Amino acid sequence: MPRFLLKSLAAVLCLGLGAGAHAATRDIPLSSIASSGLLGAAGNTVLSFQLGAGAHVTAMRWELDIEAFAPSWLSELRLAVSGSDITTGGLLFAPGEGRDAAGTLRAAGELDLLESGLDFHLGTDGILRLEFHEAAGDGLQPDGIWRSGRLSFDSAAAPVPEPASLTMMVAGGLLIAAARRRRLRHTPTSNP
């Protein structure tokens, strides 16, 4: 195998060496959060949390108590989970789905977002955005309350090369450049 190919292969192997993604869990306590307007309404409660640039949101767990006031229904209380740019992915969570009545509900569960195809990445600002809202406007203020509980989100940080790997990447690039220069110097040229 020519020396140039060996050096190129070494450089490519160096490029693949990076730090693995680190997993983290963010627990969010809930207490008396109003559910009022439709998604995007000015009066909705929006919470933001820093998870890290490009974090990959992979799982969600919940234990909560919600209440819908008549004529609003439990199925109408919603939570939009996304990055700060709501157009680039996320999910809509409705803990009272299928309960078309007012009243209270205690709900607990978990969802593997990877397995269900609902996983998403945060933007470069690393913000996880939660917007509590209603699926239908019933003219109440508020239509319901997220009384208590907690939400948990699992995420994996975007991989970042370790300093040693970065040094190896630069060294590999320099080796490739030097090999190309040497090859060009030793390549005969034809003059017509």
Foldseek 3Di string as FASTA:
>chain_A
DDPLVVLLVLLVVLVPAFDFWDKDKDKFKFAWAFAAAAPPDPPWDKDKDADAAFKKWFKKWWWFKKFFDPPAWLQFKKKWKAAPPSVQATDIDRQRNPTNHTGMDTDTDMDGCVVVVRMDTYHRRRMIMITIYTNDHPPDVHRMTRHIIMMMIMIIYDIGGDPVSVVSNVVSVVSSVVVVVVVVVPDDDDDD
